[in-house]
N, C-alpha and C. Protein backbone atom coordinates (compact mmCIF):
# COMPACT_ATOMS: atom_id res chain seq x y z
N MET A 1 0.81 -1.20 0.00
CA MET A 1 0.00 0.00 0.00
C MET A 1 0.86 1.26 0.00
N THR A 2 2.01 1.20 0.64
CA THR A 2 2.90 2.34 0.65
C THR A 2 3.37 2.69 -0.75
N TRP A 3 3.64 1.65 -1.56
CA TRP A 3 4.08 1.86 -2.94
C TRP A 3 3.05 2.65 -3.72
N LEU A 4 1.79 2.29 -3.57
CA LEU A 4 0.72 2.98 -4.28
C LEU A 4 0.58 4.42 -3.80
N ARG A 5 0.71 4.62 -2.51
CA ARG A 5 0.61 5.97 -1.94
C ARG A 5 1.75 6.87 -2.45
N GLN A 6 2.92 6.30 -2.67
CA GLN A 6 4.06 7.09 -3.14
C GLN A 6 4.02 7.36 -4.64
N ASN A 7 3.30 6.54 -5.39
CA ASN A 7 3.33 6.64 -6.85
C ASN A 7 1.98 6.91 -7.49
N TRP A 8 0.97 7.28 -6.74
CA TRP A 8 -0.37 7.46 -7.30
C TRP A 8 -0.39 8.53 -8.38
N HIS A 9 0.38 9.61 -8.19
CA HIS A 9 0.39 10.69 -9.18
C HIS A 9 1.03 10.25 -10.49
N ARG A 10 2.05 9.43 -10.42
CA ARG A 10 2.67 8.91 -11.64
C ARG A 10 1.72 7.97 -12.38
N LEU A 11 1.05 7.11 -11.63
CA LEU A 11 0.09 6.20 -12.25
C LEU A 11 -1.07 6.97 -12.87
N ALA A 12 -1.49 8.04 -12.21
CA ALA A 12 -2.57 8.86 -12.76
C ALA A 12 -2.16 9.49 -14.08
N ILE A 13 -0.95 10.01 -14.16
CA ILE A 13 -0.48 10.63 -15.40
C ILE A 13 -0.36 9.58 -16.51
N ILE A 14 0.11 8.39 -16.18
CA ILE A 14 0.19 7.32 -17.17
C ILE A 14 -1.20 7.03 -17.74
N LEU A 15 -2.19 6.90 -16.87
CA LEU A 15 -3.56 6.63 -17.33
C LEU A 15 -4.12 7.79 -18.14
N ILE A 16 -3.85 9.01 -17.70
CA ILE A 16 -4.31 10.19 -18.44
C ILE A 16 -3.71 10.22 -19.84
N MET A 17 -2.43 9.90 -19.93
CA MET A 17 -1.75 9.89 -21.24
C MET A 17 -2.31 8.81 -22.16
N LEU A 18 -2.57 7.65 -21.61
CA LEU A 18 -3.10 6.56 -22.45
C LEU A 18 -4.54 6.82 -22.86
N TYR A 19 -5.33 7.43 -21.98
CA TYR A 19 -6.72 7.76 -22.31
C TYR A 19 -6.78 8.84 -23.38
N ALA A 20 -5.74 9.61 -23.52
CA ALA A 20 -5.71 10.69 -24.51
C ALA A 20 -5.70 10.17 -25.95
N PHE A 21 -5.46 8.88 -26.14
CA PHE A 21 -5.50 8.31 -27.48
C PHE A 21 -6.93 8.21 -28.01
N GLY A 22 -7.91 8.33 -27.13
CA GLY A 22 -9.30 8.31 -27.55
C GLY A 22 -9.74 9.64 -28.13
N ASP A 23 -10.97 9.67 -28.53
CA ASP A 23 -11.56 10.91 -29.07
C ASP A 23 -12.20 11.67 -27.91
N ASN A 24 -11.50 12.65 -27.41
CA ASN A 24 -11.92 13.39 -26.22
C ASN A 24 -12.18 14.85 -26.55
N PRO A 25 -12.99 15.51 -25.72
CA PRO A 25 -13.20 16.95 -25.94
C PRO A 25 -11.93 17.74 -25.62
N TYR A 26 -11.87 18.94 -26.14
CA TYR A 26 -10.70 19.79 -25.94
C TYR A 26 -10.41 20.03 -24.46
N SER A 27 -11.45 20.10 -23.64
CA SER A 27 -11.26 20.34 -22.21
C SER A 27 -10.45 19.22 -21.55
N TYR A 28 -10.57 18.00 -22.07
CA TYR A 28 -9.77 16.90 -21.52
C TYR A 28 -8.28 17.17 -21.73
N TYR A 29 -7.94 17.65 -22.91
CA TYR A 29 -6.53 17.90 -23.21
C TYR A 29 -5.99 19.10 -22.43
N GLN A 30 -6.85 20.04 -22.11
CA GLN A 30 -6.45 21.13 -21.21
C GLN A 30 -6.15 20.58 -19.82
N PHE A 31 -7.02 19.69 -19.34
CA PHE A 31 -6.79 19.04 -18.05
C PHE A 31 -5.48 18.25 -18.09
N LEU A 32 -5.25 17.53 -19.19
CA LEU A 32 -4.02 16.76 -19.35
C LEU A 32 -2.80 17.66 -19.22
N ARG A 33 -2.85 18.82 -19.87
CA ARG A 33 -1.73 19.76 -19.79
C ARG A 33 -1.47 20.21 -18.36
N TRP A 34 -2.53 20.63 -17.66
CA TRP A 34 -2.37 21.10 -16.28
C TRP A 34 -1.82 19.99 -15.39
N ALA A 35 -2.44 18.83 -15.45
CA ALA A 35 -2.03 17.72 -14.58
C ALA A 35 -0.59 17.30 -14.86
N THR A 36 -0.24 17.19 -16.12
CA THR A 36 1.11 16.75 -16.49
C THR A 36 2.16 17.80 -16.13
N ALA A 37 1.87 19.05 -16.38
CA ALA A 37 2.83 20.10 -16.05
C ALA A 37 3.06 20.17 -14.54
N ILE A 38 2.00 20.17 -13.77
CA ILE A 38 2.14 20.24 -12.31
C ILE A 38 2.91 19.04 -11.78
N CYS A 39 2.52 17.86 -12.20
CA CYS A 39 3.19 16.64 -11.73
C CYS A 39 4.66 16.61 -12.18
N SER A 40 4.92 17.02 -13.40
CA SER A 40 6.29 16.99 -13.91
C SER A 40 7.19 17.98 -13.17
N PHE A 41 6.69 19.17 -12.92
CA PHE A 41 7.51 20.14 -12.17
C PHE A 41 7.71 19.69 -10.72
N TYR A 42 6.71 19.04 -10.14
CA TYR A 42 6.86 18.49 -8.79
C TYR A 42 7.94 17.40 -8.78
N LEU A 43 7.89 16.50 -9.77
CA LEU A 43 8.89 15.44 -9.84
C LEU A 43 10.27 15.99 -10.15
N ALA A 44 10.34 17.05 -10.95
CA ALA A 44 11.64 17.69 -11.21
C ALA A 44 12.21 18.25 -9.91
N PHE A 45 11.36 18.86 -9.11
CA PHE A 45 11.79 19.42 -7.83
C PHE A 45 12.28 18.32 -6.89
N THR A 46 11.53 17.22 -6.79
CA THR A 46 11.96 16.13 -5.90
C THR A 46 13.22 15.45 -6.43
N ALA A 47 13.35 15.33 -7.75
CA ALA A 47 14.57 14.75 -8.31
C ALA A 47 15.77 15.65 -8.02
N TYR A 48 15.57 16.95 -8.13
CA TYR A 48 16.65 17.89 -7.84
C TYR A 48 17.08 17.78 -6.37
N ASN A 49 16.11 17.68 -5.47
CA ASN A 49 16.43 17.54 -4.05
C ASN A 49 17.12 16.22 -3.73
N SER A 50 16.92 15.21 -4.59
CA SER A 50 17.58 13.92 -4.42
C SER A 50 18.89 13.85 -5.20
N ASN A 51 19.29 14.98 -5.78
CA ASN A 51 20.51 15.08 -6.56
C ASN A 51 20.49 14.15 -7.78
N ARG A 52 19.33 13.99 -8.39
CA ARG A 52 19.16 13.18 -9.60
C ARG A 52 18.98 14.15 -10.77
N ILE A 53 20.08 14.70 -11.24
CA ILE A 53 20.05 15.79 -12.21
C ILE A 53 19.45 15.36 -13.55
N GLY A 54 19.74 14.16 -14.00
CA GLY A 54 19.17 13.68 -15.26
C GLY A 54 17.65 13.66 -15.22
N TRP A 55 17.11 13.12 -14.14
CA TRP A 55 15.65 13.09 -13.98
C TRP A 55 15.09 14.50 -13.82
N THR A 56 15.85 15.37 -13.19
CA THR A 56 15.41 16.76 -13.06
C THR A 56 15.19 17.37 -14.44
N TRP A 57 16.15 17.18 -15.33
CA TRP A 57 16.03 17.72 -16.69
C TRP A 57 14.88 17.07 -17.46
N ILE A 58 14.75 15.77 -17.34
CA ILE A 58 13.68 15.08 -18.06
C ILE A 58 12.32 15.63 -17.66
N PHE A 59 12.06 15.73 -16.37
CA PHE A 59 10.75 16.19 -15.92
C PHE A 59 10.55 17.68 -16.16
N THR A 60 11.62 18.45 -16.14
CA THR A 60 11.49 19.87 -16.47
C THR A 60 11.10 20.05 -17.93
N ILE A 61 11.72 19.29 -18.81
CA ILE A 61 11.38 19.37 -20.24
C ILE A 61 9.94 18.93 -20.48
N ILE A 62 9.51 17.86 -19.81
CA ILE A 62 8.12 17.43 -19.95
C ILE A 62 7.17 18.52 -19.44
N GLY A 63 7.51 19.12 -18.31
CA GLY A 63 6.68 20.19 -17.77
C GLY A 63 6.55 21.37 -18.72
N ILE A 64 7.65 21.72 -19.36
CA ILE A 64 7.63 22.84 -20.32
C ILE A 64 6.82 22.46 -21.55
N LEU A 65 6.99 21.24 -22.05
CA LEU A 65 6.27 20.79 -23.23
C LEU A 65 4.76 20.79 -23.02
N PHE A 66 4.33 20.41 -21.82
CA PHE A 66 2.89 20.30 -21.54
C PHE A 66 2.33 21.51 -20.80
N ASN A 67 3.11 22.56 -20.65
CA ASN A 67 2.63 23.71 -19.87
C ASN A 67 1.37 24.31 -20.51
N PRO A 68 0.39 24.65 -19.70
CA PRO A 68 -0.86 25.19 -20.23
C PRO A 68 -0.83 26.72 -20.41
N ILE A 69 0.16 27.39 -19.89
CA ILE A 69 0.22 28.85 -19.95
C ILE A 69 0.64 29.32 -21.34
N ALA A 70 1.71 28.73 -21.86
CA ALA A 70 2.20 29.06 -23.20
C ALA A 70 2.29 27.75 -23.98
N PRO A 71 1.16 27.23 -24.43
CA PRO A 71 1.14 25.88 -25.00
C PRO A 71 1.83 25.78 -26.36
N PHE A 72 2.36 24.60 -26.60
CA PHE A 72 2.89 24.26 -27.91
C PHE A 72 1.75 23.66 -28.72
N TYR A 73 1.67 24.01 -29.99
CA TYR A 73 0.63 23.48 -30.86
C TYR A 73 1.26 22.56 -31.88
N MET A 74 0.80 21.31 -31.89
CA MET A 74 1.32 20.31 -32.81
C MET A 74 0.16 19.49 -33.37
N SER A 75 0.48 18.64 -34.33
CA SER A 75 -0.55 17.77 -34.90
C SER A 75 -0.92 16.68 -33.89
N ARG A 76 -2.05 16.05 -34.13
CA ARG A 76 -2.50 14.98 -33.24
C ARG A 76 -1.50 13.83 -33.20
N ASP A 77 -0.92 13.50 -34.36
CA ASP A 77 0.07 12.42 -34.40
C ASP A 77 1.29 12.74 -33.55
N SER A 78 1.74 13.98 -33.60
CA SER A 78 2.88 14.38 -32.77
C SER A 78 2.54 14.27 -31.30
N TRP A 79 1.37 14.75 -30.93
CA TRP A 79 0.98 14.67 -29.53
C TRP A 79 0.84 13.23 -29.07
N GLN A 80 0.34 12.34 -29.93
CA GLN A 80 0.23 10.94 -29.54
C GLN A 80 1.60 10.33 -29.28
N PHE A 81 2.57 10.70 -30.09
CA PHE A 81 3.94 10.24 -29.85
C PHE A 81 4.44 10.72 -28.48
N TYR A 82 4.25 12.01 -28.19
CA TYR A 82 4.70 12.55 -26.91
C TYR A 82 3.91 11.97 -25.74
N ASN A 83 2.62 11.76 -25.91
CA ASN A 83 1.82 11.17 -24.84
C ASN A 83 2.33 9.77 -24.49
N LEU A 84 2.59 8.97 -25.52
CA LEU A 84 3.10 7.62 -25.27
C LEU A 84 4.50 7.68 -24.65
N SER A 85 5.34 8.56 -25.14
CA SER A 85 6.69 8.70 -24.60
C SER A 85 6.66 9.11 -23.14
N VAL A 86 5.80 10.04 -22.80
CA VAL A 86 5.70 10.49 -21.40
C VAL A 86 5.16 9.37 -20.52
N ALA A 87 4.19 8.61 -21.01
CA ALA A 87 3.67 7.48 -20.23
C ALA A 87 4.79 6.48 -19.94
N VAL A 88 5.63 6.20 -20.93
CA VAL A 88 6.75 5.27 -20.74
C VAL A 88 7.76 5.85 -19.75
N ILE A 89 8.09 7.12 -19.88
CA ILE A 89 9.03 7.76 -18.96
C ILE A 89 8.51 7.73 -17.53
N TYR A 90 7.24 8.05 -17.36
CA TYR A 90 6.66 8.00 -16.01
C TYR A 90 6.67 6.59 -15.46
N PHE A 91 6.41 5.60 -16.30
CA PHE A 91 6.44 4.20 -15.85
C PHE A 91 7.84 3.82 -15.40
N ILE A 92 8.85 4.16 -16.19
CA ILE A 92 10.23 3.87 -15.83
C ILE A 92 10.61 4.59 -14.54
N SER A 93 10.14 5.81 -14.38
CA SER A 93 10.50 6.59 -13.19
C SER A 93 9.96 5.97 -11.90
N ILE A 94 8.89 5.21 -12.01
CA ILE A 94 8.36 4.54 -10.81
C ILE A 94 9.42 3.64 -10.20
N PHE A 95 10.21 2.99 -11.05
CA PHE A 95 11.21 2.04 -10.58
C PHE A 95 12.59 2.64 -10.42
N LYS A 96 12.91 3.67 -11.19
CA LYS A 96 14.26 4.23 -11.16
C LYS A 96 14.40 5.46 -10.26
N LEU A 97 13.31 6.18 -10.04
CA LEU A 97 13.36 7.40 -9.23
C LEU A 97 12.51 7.20 -7.99
N LYS A 98 13.18 6.99 -6.90
CA LYS A 98 12.45 6.70 -5.65
C LYS A 98 12.54 7.87 -4.71
């Protein structure tokens, strides 16, 4: 149970990213941006405090890419690639970034 409590936000982002492959309203993708940016910047901060500089950069870049304030506009295919990539990165981080 402790494992789930420590990683619930990562699992949520993974599910959000995978659900984004469906046909969703625009508001869902706005929610995806906010949730991913907040979680990514939080993980970048915790990685920095753990002196994990590589993970700090990875999550900072993800946070910038998904930021809702100054969004990047790309095609659906591009976003699907990034969504899948972020889901994989978050999955790997569950085991590599403690």
